[in-house]
Amino acid sequence: MLAGKRTGREGLDRLDSAGAEVRVIEREKHGPTAGKSVRRRAIIMIAAALCALVTAAMIGKFLARDFKDAAVWYDAGQRVLTGQTLAQLPHYRYPPTFAVLVAPLCVFGFGWFFFSWYALNVLLFGLSVRAAGSLVSPSAETGAATWRWLAALLVAVFAIDNLFLGQTNILIMVLIYGAFVEVARGRACPAREWRAGLPLGGAIAIKVFPAPLLAYFLYRARVRVVGSALVWCAFFLVILPAPARGFRRNLAEVSDWGRRVVMPYLSRGQAGDWGQHALDFGNQSLAGVANRYLTRVDAQVMARRAAPIYVNLADLSPTQVNLIVLGVLGALGIAFLAACGWRRPRDAEEQVLEYSLASLLLLLSSAIAWTYFFVLLLLPVMAALRLLGRRERLRASSVWMLRAAMWALVAAILLLANHYARALGSLFWATLVLFSALALARRDLRRSQ
């Protein structure tokens, strides 16, 4: 009898244990972990489908001989391989450094170069997402994969624009983010600040657009970063191309690039040799938008349409417009200083907000900011999405501003096909709202310490 009762109780215990296991399995199937897994799979499927569609479109562009800037880079690389001059190459607004770097991809013909350059940019975009994610969330964090992929999908339209045009801004972005990562890690190892100068100097040598970041690092007394970046920039501009181009010839070509592209902006605020095209609706920089608002200029000049677009509210002289642009840039700089203060960031969250604000200032202050430049929004958008998920240190007004910035960006993306909206600076205004929102958030984090 006792043996039978004991056996019965053991059987009931096994049934209870089995029932508990079933309930645990059911909770795993339908619980939060399962929901996150489903969301992750959905995001990966969307990204894979988008990548397949873009690849098919690139094949179509190649068959239709719609090569855009890829043909310019290939021509430049071929001239390096054959020893021809770069000075008179149409539409090539870069120093010899970039032509020397892409020359190895040009050895096996244009088809190889076209698809290798495309594949390389896809890889670089993935590395940028990873670098931005490590900056925004250095340690493993719940929900990190979701806002990383969501940020990548939000800026995908700008990345695709780079891919279709064959442009270089994804390469510039990954170099900038690489410098940010090295400086962030330099908090524990100061020697990494010297390494940060390598990608930053390379980015400036390829496209002078990131040069204002040197002012940010000086503001934060990162002298090692600035010194290293200047040394590497000189190396990439003067030393690296010399074996392929010859020292004197390379120096002449670098000087010609400086006269055509760099000096007009530094001396007169003009976008190199772009001329009237710099005022087209596609330019979403502060200078481009201000000129369209304050001078009577056709905002559709590059589209070569019969019907011009005018959005000007006044008709001022170039000097007056330049003074207004400088005043607004000064106001943005003051807002940056007011948000960040003079003390260095105390943690990674504060640091990534400063990097984001500096990236946004790059876009706003550049003489030229075509649509593909705004792929650099990846880090600021990722930082904003993470802040919206972790609002403990933010005031309610900052949270509302961040939400408004995200919706403004979505609206600007939807309006990209509308030339009139872009002439009014839809993407510029969305970027300005995002800058304001992140500046408020940075101030909140500083005051919460």
Protein backbone atom coordinates (compact mmCIF):
# COMPACT_ATOMS: atom_id res chain seq x y z
CA MET A 1 0.00 0.00 0.00
CA LEU A 2 2.72 2.49 0.98
CA ALA A 3 4.74 1.59 -2.10
CA GLY A 4 1.68 2.18 -4.27
CA LYS A 5 0.99 5.59 -2.70
CA ARG A 6 4.63 6.60 -3.11
CA THR A 7 4.58 5.56 -6.75
CA GLY A 8 1.35 7.52 -7.29
CA ARG A 9 2.80 10.65 -5.71
CA GLU A 10 5.94 10.34 -7.87
CA GLY A 11 3.73 10.04 -10.94
CA LEU A 12 1.80 13.17 -9.98
CA ASP A 13 5.08 15.02 -9.37
CA ARG A 14 6.27 14.05 -12.85
CA LEU A 15 3.00 15.24 -14.36
CA ASP A 16 3.27 18.56 -12.48
CA SER A 17 6.88 18.95 -13.64
CA ALA A 18 5.93 18.16 -17.23
CA GLY A 19 3.03 20.63 -17.02
CA ALA A 20 5.38 23.33 -15.71
CA GLU A 21 7.79 22.67 -18.59
CA VAL A 22 4.92 22.94 -21.07
CA ARG A 23 3.86 26.26 -19.52
CA VAL A 24 7.44 27.58 -19.71
CA ILE A 25 7.66 26.56 -23.37
CA GLU A 26 4.33 28.26 -24.08
CA ARG A 27 5.53 31.44 -22.38
CA GLU A 28 8.74 31.36 -24.44
CA LYS A 29 6.69 30.94 -27.60
CA HIS A 30 4.39 33.85 -26.85
CA GLY A 31 6.40 35.96 -24.41
CA PRO A 32 8.55 39.10 -24.87
CA THR A 33 11.61 37.15 -26.05
CA ALA A 34 9.59 35.56 -28.83
CA GLY A 35 8.22 38.99 -29.80
CA LYS A 36 11.72 40.43 -30.07
CA SER A 37 12.83 37.47 -32.14
CA VAL A 38 9.90 37.98 -34.52
CA ARG A 39 10.68 41.70 -34.85
CA ARG A 40 14.34 40.94 -35.50
CA ARG A 41 13.48 38.40 -38.19
CA ALA A 42 11.06 40.87 -39.79
CA ILE A 43 13.69 43.61 -39.88
CA ILE A 44 16.29 41.23 -41.35
CA MET A 45 13.82 40.10 -44.01
CA ILE A 46 13.00 43.73 -44.92
CA ALA A 47 16.73 44.55 -45.14
CA ALA A 48 17.41 41.48 -47.29
CA ALA A 49 14.52 42.29 -49.62
CA LEU A 50 15.70 45.91 -49.90
CA CYS A 51 19.24 44.76 -50.68
CA ALA A 52 17.95 42.40 -53.38
CA LEU A 53 15.86 45.16 -54.97
CA VAL A 54 18.77 47.61 -54.95
CA THR A 55 21.07 44.99 -56.48
CA ALA A 56 18.53 44.33 -59.24
CA ALA A 57 18.27 48.08 -59.83
CA MET A 58 22.06 48.37 -60.05
CA ILE A 59 22.16 45.60 -62.65
CA GLY A 60 19.46 47.47 -64.59
CA LYS A 61 21.45 50.72 -64.37
CA PHE A 62 24.56 48.96 -65.65
CA LEU A 63 22.71 47.42 -68.59
CA ALA A 64 21.16 50.82 -69.39
CA ARG A 65 24.63 52.42 -69.17
CA ASP A 66 23.44 54.76 -66.42
CA PHE A 67 26.78 54.92 -64.62
CA LYS A 68 26.63 58.35 -62.93
CA ASP A 69 29.73 59.19 -60.84
CA ALA A 70 31.10 55.64 -61.02
CA ALA A 71 32.21 56.44 -64.56
CA VAL A 72 34.11 59.51 -63.26
CA TRP A 73 35.93 57.46 -60.60
CA TYR A 74 36.79 54.78 -63.17
CA ASP A 75 38.13 57.39 -65.56
CA ALA A 76 40.25 58.87 -62.75
CA GLY A 77 41.59 55.43 -61.79
CA GLN A 78 42.42 54.65 -65.42
CA ARG A 79 44.31 57.93 -65.71
CA VAL A 80 46.39 56.94 -62.70
CA LEU A 81 47.12 53.54 -64.27
CA THR A 82 48.08 55.08 -67.61
CA GLY A 83 49.93 58.11 -66.21
CA GLN A 84 47.57 60.78 -67.56
CA THR A 85 46.77 64.08 -65.85
CA LEU A 86 43.80 64.55 -63.50
CA ALA A 87 43.71 68.34 -63.62
CA GLN A 88 41.26 68.65 -66.53
CA LEU A 89 39.10 65.60 -65.81
CA PRO A 90 35.44 66.75 -66.02
CA HIS A 91 33.36 66.43 -62.81
CA TYR A 92 36.33 65.16 -60.77
CA ARG A 93 36.47 67.45 -57.71
CA TYR A 94 38.77 65.35 -55.55
CA PRO A 95 42.53 65.37 -54.88
CA PRO A 96 44.67 62.68 -56.56
CA THR A 97 44.48 60.59 -53.35
CA PHE A 98 41.07 59.15 -54.16
CA ALA A 99 42.03 58.33 -57.77
CA VAL A 100 45.10 56.46 -56.52
CA LEU A 101 43.03 54.52 -53.96
CA VAL A 102 40.42 53.36 -56.51
CA ALA A 103 42.96 52.62 -59.26
CA PRO A 104 43.41 48.92 -58.22
CA LEU A 105 39.66 48.37 -58.74
CA CYS A 106 39.99 49.67 -62.30
CA VAL A 107 42.51 47.06 -63.47
CA PHE A 108 39.96 44.49 -64.67
CA GLY A 109 37.64 46.78 -66.63
CA PHE A 110 34.61 48.93 -65.91
CA GLY A 111 32.13 46.13 -65.16
CA TRP A 112 34.37 44.77 -62.42
CA PHE A 113 34.88 48.27 -61.02
CA PHE A 114 31.15 49.15 -61.11
CA PHE A 115 29.99 46.13 -59.11
CA SER A 116 33.05 46.02 -56.84
CA TRP A 117 32.46 49.66 -55.88
CA TYR A 118 28.79 48.87 -55.24
CA ALA A 119 29.59 45.80 -53.09
CA LEU A 120 32.25 47.74 -51.19
CA ASN A 121 29.76 50.51 -50.35
CA VAL A 122 27.17 47.99 -49.13
CA LEU A 123 29.84 46.49 -46.85
CA LEU A 124 30.89 49.95 -45.65
CA PHE A 125 27.29 50.84 -44.83
CA GLY A 126 27.03 47.68 -42.71
CA LEU A 127 30.26 48.62 -40.92
CA SER A 128 28.86 52.13 -40.32
CA VAL A 129 25.73 50.67 -38.70
CA ARG A 130 27.89 48.50 -36.49
CA ALA A 131 30.20 51.40 -35.53
CA ALA A 132 27.27 53.71 -34.80
CA GLY A 133 25.62 50.98 -32.70
CA SER A 134 28.79 50.49 -30.65
CA LEU A 135 28.94 54.23 -29.99
CA VAL A 136 25.30 54.56 -28.98
CA SER A 137 25.31 51.42 -26.84
CA PRO A 138 28.84 50.19 -26.00
CA SER A 139 27.48 47.26 -23.94
CA ALA A 140 24.74 44.75 -24.71
CA GLU A 141 21.36 46.38 -24.16
CA THR A 142 17.77 45.23 -24.38
CA GLY A 143 16.19 46.29 -27.66
CA ALA A 144 19.49 47.52 -29.14
CA ALA A 145 19.12 45.53 -32.36
CA THR A 146 15.68 47.01 -33.02
CA TRP A 147 16.66 50.68 -32.89
CA ARG A 148 19.90 50.00 -34.78
CA TRP A 149 18.07 48.40 -37.68
CA LEU A 150 15.28 50.98 -37.52
CA ALA A 151 17.82 53.82 -37.80
CA ALA A 152 19.49 52.03 -40.71
CA LEU A 153 16.14 51.65 -42.50
CA LEU A 154 15.30 55.34 -41.91
CA VAL A 155 18.51 56.52 -43.59
CA ALA A 156 18.46 53.73 -46.20
CA VAL A 157 17.05 56.14 -48.80
CA PHE A 158 20.21 58.27 -48.49
CA ALA A 159 22.44 55.20 -48.62
CA ILE A 160 20.63 54.00 -51.75
CA ASP A 161 21.14 57.44 -53.31
CA ASN A 162 24.88 56.99 -52.70
CA LEU A 163 24.78 53.54 -54.29
CA PHE A 164 22.84 54.67 -57.37
CA LEU A 165 25.13 57.66 -57.91
CA GLY A 166 28.30 55.74 -57.08
CA GLN A 167 29.19 58.44 -54.55
CA THR A 168 31.80 58.44 -51.77
CA ASN A 169 29.86 59.59 -48.71
CA ILE A 170 29.36 56.12 -47.23
CA LEU A 171 33.14 55.75 -47.26
CA ILE A 172 33.50 59.16 -45.60
CA MET A 173 30.88 58.18 -42.99
CA VAL A 174 32.60 54.95 -41.98
CA LEU A 175 35.94 56.80 -41.64
CA ILE A 176 34.34 59.50 -39.44
CA TYR A 177 32.62 56.90 -37.27
CA GLY A 178 35.88 54.97 -37.04
CA ALA A 179 37.56 58.08 -35.64
CA PHE A 180 34.70 58.55 -33.16
CA VAL A 181 35.04 54.93 -31.99
CA GLU A 182 38.78 55.25 -31.43
CA VAL A 183 38.37 58.49 -29.45
CA ALA A 184 35.60 56.92 -27.35
CA ARG A 185 37.84 53.97 -26.55
CA GLY A 186 40.66 56.40 -25.85
CA ARG A 187 38.98 57.25 -22.52
CA ALA A 188 40.65 54.10 -21.20
CA CYS A 189 43.68 54.15 -23.54
CA PRO A 190 44.95 57.61 -24.60
CA ALA A 191 47.14 56.05 -27.32
CA ARG A 192 43.94 55.35 -29.27
CA GLU A 193 43.55 59.08 -29.84
CA TRP A 194 46.60 58.93 -32.09
CA ARG A 195 44.95 56.11 -34.05
CA ALA A 196 41.77 58.18 -34.43
CA GLY A 197 43.69 60.61 -36.60
CA LEU A 198 44.22 57.96 -39.30
CA PRO A 199 40.59 57.55 -40.45
CA LEU A 200 39.80 61.24 -39.86
CA GLY A 201 42.85 62.38 -41.84
CA GLY A 202 41.98 59.93 -44.61
CA ALA A 203 38.41 61.24 -44.79
CA ILE A 204 39.60 64.86 -45.07
CA ALA A 205 42.16 63.93 -47.73
CA ILE A 206 39.45 62.25 -49.84
CA LYS A 207 36.75 64.88 -49.31
CA VAL A 208 37.43 68.08 -47.37
CA PHE A 209 33.83 68.01 -46.06
CA PRO A 210 34.76 66.49 -42.58
CA ALA A 211 37.49 69.11 -41.85
CA PRO A 212 35.30 71.13 -39.40
CA LEU A 213 35.42 68.14 -37.03
CA LEU A 214 38.96 69.26 -36.20
CA ALA A 215 37.43 72.33 -34.54
CA TYR A 216 35.23 70.07 -32.39
CA PHE A 217 38.20 68.00 -31.21
CA LEU A 218 40.14 71.20 -30.43
CA TYR A 219 37.14 72.39 -28.41
CA ARG A 220 37.38 69.17 -26.39
CA ALA A 221 41.18 69.56 -26.11
CA ARG A 222 41.79 66.37 -28.08
CA VAL A 223 45.12 67.72 -29.34
CA ARG A 224 46.49 64.26 -30.13
CA VAL A 225 43.53 63.57 -32.44
CA VAL A 226 43.94 66.86 -34.31
CA GLY A 227 47.72 66.52 -34.65
CA SER A 228 47.47 62.93 -35.84
CA ALA A 229 44.69 63.81 -38.32
CA LEU A 230 46.77 66.64 -39.84
CA VAL A 231 49.82 64.40 -40.20
CA TRP A 232 47.81 61.60 -41.84
CA CYS A 233 45.98 64.07 -44.07
CA ALA A 234 49.33 65.41 -45.31
CA PHE A 235 50.52 61.85 -45.85
CA PHE A 236 47.45 60.91 -47.91
CA LEU A 237 47.57 64.13 -49.95
CA VAL A 238 51.29 64.44 -50.60
CA ILE A 239 53.13 61.18 -49.91
CA LEU A 240 50.74 58.36 -50.83
CA PRO A 241 50.07 59.40 -54.46
CA ALA A 242 53.70 60.37 -55.15
CA PRO A 243 54.98 56.91 -56.25
CA ALA A 244 52.14 56.62 -58.79
CA ARG A 245 51.93 60.27 -59.86
CA GLY A 246 55.41 61.65 -59.20
CA PHE A 247 56.02 64.10 -56.38
CA ARG A 248 56.02 67.34 -58.38
CA ARG A 249 53.09 66.34 -60.56
CA ASN A 250 51.03 65.27 -57.55
CA LEU A 251 51.83 68.54 -55.76
CA ALA A 252 50.66 70.49 -58.83
CA GLU A 253 47.39 68.51 -58.97
CA VAL A 254 46.77 68.98 -55.24
CA SER A 255 47.37 72.72 -55.65
CA ASP A 256 44.94 72.81 -58.58
CA TRP A 257 42.31 71.01 -56.46
CA GLY A 258 42.86 73.50 -53.64
CA ARG A 259 42.36 76.47 -55.99
CA ARG A 260 39.20 75.01 -57.60
CA VAL A 261 37.45 73.44 -54.62
CA VAL A 262 38.85 74.50 -51.25
CA MET A 263 39.80 78.17 -51.58
CA PRO A 264 36.48 79.42 -53.03
CA TYR A 265 34.69 78.09 -49.94
CA LEU A 266 37.25 79.37 -47.43
CA SER A 267 37.47 82.84 -49.01
CA ARG A 268 33.96 83.50 -50.35
CA GLY A 269 31.73 80.76 -48.95
CA GLN A 270 31.16 79.37 -52.46
CA ALA A 271 30.81 75.69 -53.28
CA GLY A 272 33.98 75.25 -55.31
CA ASP A 273 33.41 75.28 -59.06
CA TRP A 274 29.73 74.26 -58.86
CA GLY A 275 28.64 77.77 -59.82
CA GLN A 276 24.88 78.32 -60.16
CA HIS A 277 24.20 74.60 -59.72
CA ALA A 278 25.10 74.93 -56.02
CA LEU A 279 21.79 76.79 -55.55
CA ASP A 280 19.68 73.95 -56.94
CA PHE A 281 16.87 72.44 -54.83
CA GLY A 282 19.02 69.36 -54.22
CA ASN A 283 21.46 71.33 -52.04
CA GLN A 284 20.03 71.16 -48.51
CA SER A 285 22.84 72.96 -46.69
CA LEU A 286 22.28 76.21 -44.82
CA ALA A 287 24.09 78.16 -47.55
CA GLY A 288 22.02 76.58 -50.33
CA VAL A 289 18.66 77.10 -48.59
CA ALA A 290 19.53 80.65 -47.53
CA ASN A 291 20.47 81.63 -51.08
CA ARG A 292 17.18 80.25 -52.42
CA TYR A 293 15.20 82.18 -49.77
CA LEU A 294 17.14 85.43 -50.00
CA THR A 295 18.02 85.77 -53.72
CA ARG A 296 15.93 85.35 -56.84
CA VAL A 297 17.46 82.19 -58.21
CA ASP A 298 15.94 79.32 -60.16
CA ALA A 299 15.88 76.40 -57.70
CA GLN A 300 15.44 73.89 -60.52
CA VAL A 301 18.47 74.80 -62.58
CA MET A 302 20.02 71.30 -62.49
CA ALA A 303 16.76 69.64 -63.51
CA ARG A 304 16.83 71.72 -66.72
CA ARG A 305 13.06 72.06 -66.73
CA ALA A 306 11.21 74.72 -68.72
CA ALA A 307 9.34 75.98 -65.64
CA PRO A 308 11.67 77.52 -63.01
CA ILE A 309 11.01 77.37 -59.27
CA TYR A 310 11.41 80.50 -57.14
CA VAL A 311 10.96 80.44 -53.36
CA ASN A 312 12.73 83.65 -52.43
CA LEU A 313 11.32 86.00 -49.79
CA ALA A 314 13.85 88.75 -50.62
CA ASP A 315 16.49 89.60 -53.20
CA LEU A 316 19.69 90.46 -51.33
CA SER A 317 23.27 90.79 -52.52
CA PRO A 318 25.69 87.86 -52.17
CA THR A 319 27.58 89.74 -49.44
CA GLN A 320 24.40 90.23 -47.41
CA VAL A 321 23.45 86.57 -47.79
CA ASN A 322 26.93 85.46 -46.69
CA LEU A 323 26.71 87.65 -43.60
CA ILE A 324 23.33 86.14 -42.68
CA VAL A 325 24.67 82.61 -43.21
CA LEU A 326 27.68 83.38 -40.99
CA GLY A 327 25.33 84.77 -38.34
CA VAL A 328 23.17 81.65 -38.35
CA LEU A 329 26.26 79.42 -38.21
CA GLY A 330 27.46 81.45 -35.23
CA ALA A 331 24.09 80.97 -33.52
CA LEU A 332 24.28 77.21 -34.13
CA GLY A 333 27.79 77.17 -32.67
CA ILE A 334 26.60 79.02 -29.56
CA ALA A 335 23.69 76.58 -29.21
CA PHE A 336 26.18 73.70 -29.43
CA LEU A 337 28.35 75.24 -26.70
CA ALA A 338 25.33 75.97 -24.50
CA ALA A 339 24.14 72.36 -24.81
CA CYS A 340 27.51 70.68 -24.28
CA GLY A 341 29.25 73.02 -21.84
CA TRP A 342 32.99 73.16 -21.25
CA ARG A 343 33.40 69.95 -19.28
CA ARG A 344 34.07 66.77 -21.25
CA PRO A 345 31.27 64.17 -21.41
CA ARG A 346 31.16 61.93 -18.35
CA ASP A 347 29.72 58.83 -20.02
CA ALA A 348 29.14 57.22 -23.41
CA GLU A 349 25.58 58.57 -23.66
CA GLU A 350 26.73 62.18 -23.39
CA GLN A 351 29.65 61.51 -25.74
CA VAL A 352 27.51 60.08 -28.53
CA LEU A 353 25.17 63.06 -28.35
CA GLU A 354 28.13 65.38 -28.93
CA TYR A 355 29.28 63.27 -31.88
CA SER A 356 25.74 63.41 -33.26
CA LEU A 357 25.52 67.19 -32.87
CA ALA A 358 28.93 67.61 -34.54
CA SER A 359 27.78 65.41 -37.45
CA LEU A 360 24.63 67.49 -37.87
CA LEU A 361 26.67 70.71 -37.86
CA LEU A 362 28.79 69.23 -40.66
CA LEU A 363 25.68 68.83 -42.82
CA LEU A 364 24.26 72.24 -41.97
CA SER A 365 27.50 74.21 -42.40
CA SER A 366 28.77 72.58 -45.59
CA ALA A 367 28.59 74.68 -48.77
CA ILE A 368 27.15 71.62 -50.54
CA ALA A 369 24.87 69.01 -48.96
CA TRP A 370 23.16 66.94 -51.64
CA THR A 371 20.67 64.26 -50.60
CA TYR A 372 23.30 61.53 -50.42
CA PHE A 373 25.27 63.54 -47.83
CA PHE A 374 22.48 62.89 -45.32
CA VAL A 375 23.46 59.25 -44.93
CA LEU A 376 25.52 60.80 -42.11
CA LEU A 377 22.24 61.10 -40.17
CA LEU A 378 22.67 57.44 -39.19
CA LEU A 379 24.37 58.14 -35.85
CA PRO A 380 22.10 61.08 -34.80
CA VAL A 381 18.95 59.12 -35.68
CA MET A 382 20.19 56.06 -33.80
CA ALA A 383 21.00 58.21 -30.76
CA ALA A 384 17.56 59.85 -30.88
CA LEU A 385 15.75 56.51 -31.10
CA ARG A 386 17.67 55.15 -28.14
CA LEU A 387 16.87 58.26 -26.09
CA LEU A 388 13.18 57.82 -26.87
CA GLY A 389 13.44 54.29 -25.45
CA ARG A 390 15.27 55.44 -22.30
CA ARG A 391 13.75 58.73 -21.19
CA GLU A 392 14.64 58.74 -17.48
CA ARG A 393 17.10 61.66 -17.69
CA LEU A 394 15.12 63.79 -20.15
CA ARG A 395 12.54 66.49 -19.57
CA ALA A 396 9.14 66.11 -21.20
CA SER A 397 9.85 68.97 -23.64
CA SER A 398 12.99 67.20 -24.87
CA VAL A 399 11.08 63.97 -25.43
CA TRP A 400 8.42 65.79 -27.45
CA MET A 401 11.13 67.53 -29.46
CA LEU A 402 12.79 64.20 -30.25
CA ARG A 403 9.48 62.77 -31.42
CA ALA A 404 8.88 65.85 -33.59
CA ALA A 405 12.37 65.44 -35.08
CA MET A 406 11.72 61.82 -36.05
CA TRP A 407 8.40 62.68 -37.67
CA ALA A 408 9.97 65.68 -39.43
CA LEU A 409 12.63 63.39 -40.88
CA VAL A 410 10.00 60.90 -42.06
CA ALA A 411 8.05 63.75 -43.70
CA ALA A 412 11.23 65.07 -45.39
CA ILE A 413 11.98 61.59 -46.76
CA LEU A 414 8.44 61.26 -48.13
CA LEU A 415 8.79 64.71 -49.76
CA LEU A 416 12.08 63.92 -51.53
CA ALA A 417 10.23 63.46 -54.82
CA ASN A 418 8.67 66.94 -54.52
CA HIS A 419 11.04 69.52 -55.99
CA TYR A 420 9.17 72.46 -54.50
CA ALA A 421 9.40 71.00 -50.98
CA ARG A 422 13.12 70.43 -51.43
CA ALA A 423 13.54 73.95 -52.80
CA LEU A 424 12.02 75.16 -49.51
CA GLY A 425 14.63 73.05 -47.68
CA SER A 426 12.49 70.24 -46.27
CA LEU A 427 15.49 68.06 -45.44
CA PHE A 428 17.44 71.04 -44.08
CA TRP A 429 14.59 71.94 -41.70
CA ALA A 430 14.24 68.32 -40.53
CA THR A 431 17.98 68.24 -39.80
CA LEU A 432 17.73 71.53 -37.92
CA VAL A 433 14.87 70.18 -35.78
CA LEU A 434 16.91 67.05 -35.02
CA PHE A 435 19.88 69.23 -34.05
CA SER A 436 17.66 71.25 -31.70
CA ALA A 437 16.17 68.10 -30.14
CA LEU A 438 19.55 66.48 -29.50
CA ALA A 439 20.93 69.76 -28.15
CA LEU A 440 18.08 69.88 -25.60
CA ALA A 441 18.73 66.24 -24.70
CA ARG A 442 22.45 66.89 -24.26
CA ARG A 443 21.67 69.80 -21.94
CA ASP A 444 19.30 67.59 -19.91
CA LEU A 445 21.96 64.89 -19.49
CA ARG A 446 24.54 67.48 -18.42
CA ARG A 447 22.21 68.99 -15.81
CA SER A 448 21.16 65.59 -14.47
CA GLN A 449 24.71 64.79 -13.32
